[in-house]
Amino acid sequence: MQNANKPFKQFYTEAEAAMLLGISLTRLRDLMDEHIFNDGTERPVGLRLQSPDIVLLRYWALGTVSPKVLLMPKRV
């Protein structure tokens, strides 16, 4: 994900995260709404993401199913 020639960033905006993932901002927000903000809370304004967040979002964006990953039940 990170290029060795580019400096590491501590935080990414939603737009930067979508660009890193190669998906639209709408798709990124849909992923976050489906997997993170699915208990009725709204996405915070000015949300900043870190590298581990990007990794998890990439996993969800690719839709990869792995027997090594335990899926948590959706909140109601």
Protein backbone atom coordinates (compact mmCIF):
# COMPACT_ATOMS: atom_id res chain seq x y z
CA MET A 1 0.00 0.00 0.00
CA GLN A 2 2.68 2.52 0.97
CA ASN A 3 5.40 3.25 -1.54
CA ALA A 4 8.89 3.28 0.03
CA ASN A 5 9.62 6.51 -1.85
CA LYS A 6 6.67 8.36 -0.34
CA PRO A 7 6.58 9.68 3.23
CA PHE A 8 4.30 7.91 5.68
CA LYS A 9 1.17 9.81 6.71
CA GLN A 10 -0.32 9.40 10.14
CA PHE A 11 -3.87 10.34 9.11
CA TYR A 12 -5.81 10.24 5.83
CA THR A 13 -8.94 12.10 4.82
CA GLU A 14 -11.84 10.12 3.39
CA ALA A 15 -10.93 11.35 -0.10
CA GLU A 16 -7.29 10.28 0.32
CA ALA A 17 -8.36 6.88 1.65
CA ALA A 18 -10.72 6.34 -1.29
CA MET A 19 -7.93 7.25 -3.70
CA LEU A 20 -5.50 4.85 -1.98
CA LEU A 21 -8.08 2.08 -2.21
CA GLY A 22 -8.96 2.86 -5.81
CA ILE A 23 -12.66 3.25 -5.01
CA SER A 24 -15.08 6.15 -5.09
CA LEU A 25 -15.76 8.27 -2.04
CA THR A 26 -19.35 7.04 -2.14
CA ARG A 27 -18.17 3.41 -2.08
CA LEU A 28 -15.84 4.17 0.85
CA ARG A 29 -18.68 5.74 2.81
CA ASP A 30 -20.96 2.81 1.98
CA LEU A 31 -18.32 0.40 3.35
CA MET A 32 -17.96 2.42 6.54
CA ASP A 33 -21.74 2.63 6.99
CA GLU A 34 -22.09 -1.12 6.44
CA HIS A 35 -19.23 -2.28 8.65
CA ILE A 36 -18.44 0.47 11.16
CA PHE A 37 -21.26 2.96 11.64
CA ASN A 38 -23.99 0.33 11.56
CA ASP A 39 -25.45 0.91 15.01
CA GLY A 40 -27.36 4.07 14.15
CA THR A 41 -24.51 6.51 14.80
CA GLU A 42 -23.55 8.88 12.01
CA ARG A 43 -20.12 9.20 10.47
CA PRO A 44 -18.27 12.08 12.15
CA VAL A 45 -17.65 15.18 10.06
CA GLY A 46 -13.96 15.51 9.17
CA LEU A 47 -13.27 11.83 9.80
CA ARG A 48 -9.56 10.92 9.68
CA LEU A 49 -8.40 7.38 8.99
CA GLN A 50 -5.15 5.66 9.94
CA SER A 51 -3.22 2.95 8.09
CA PRO A 52 -4.90 0.05 9.96
CA ASP A 53 -8.27 1.51 8.99
CA ILE A 54 -7.20 1.54 5.34
CA VAL A 55 -6.11 -2.10 5.55
CA LEU A 56 -9.47 -3.16 6.96
CA LEU A 57 -11.37 -1.09 4.41
CA ARG A 58 -9.32 -2.69 1.63
CA TYR A 59 -10.34 -6.13 2.93
CA TRP A 60 -14.00 -5.14 2.88
CA ALA A 61 -13.71 -3.43 -0.51
CA LEU A 62 -12.25 -6.55 -2.11
CA GLY A 63 -14.96 -8.73 -0.61
CA THR A 64 -12.39 -11.41 0.15
CA VAL A 65 -13.75 -14.27 2.20
CA SER A 66 -11.20 -16.14 4.28
CA PRO A 67 -11.72 -19.07 6.65
CA LYS A 68 -9.08 -17.46 8.90
CA VAL A 69 -11.21 -14.37 9.55
CA LEU A 70 -14.05 -14.51 12.05
CA LEU A 71 -16.92 -12.29 10.94
CA MET A 72 -18.70 -10.44 13.70
CA PRO A 73 -22.49 -10.35 13.68
CA LYS A 74 -24.12 -7.12 12.59
CA ARG A 75 -25.37 -4.87 15.35
CA VAL A 76 -29.09 -4.34 15.62
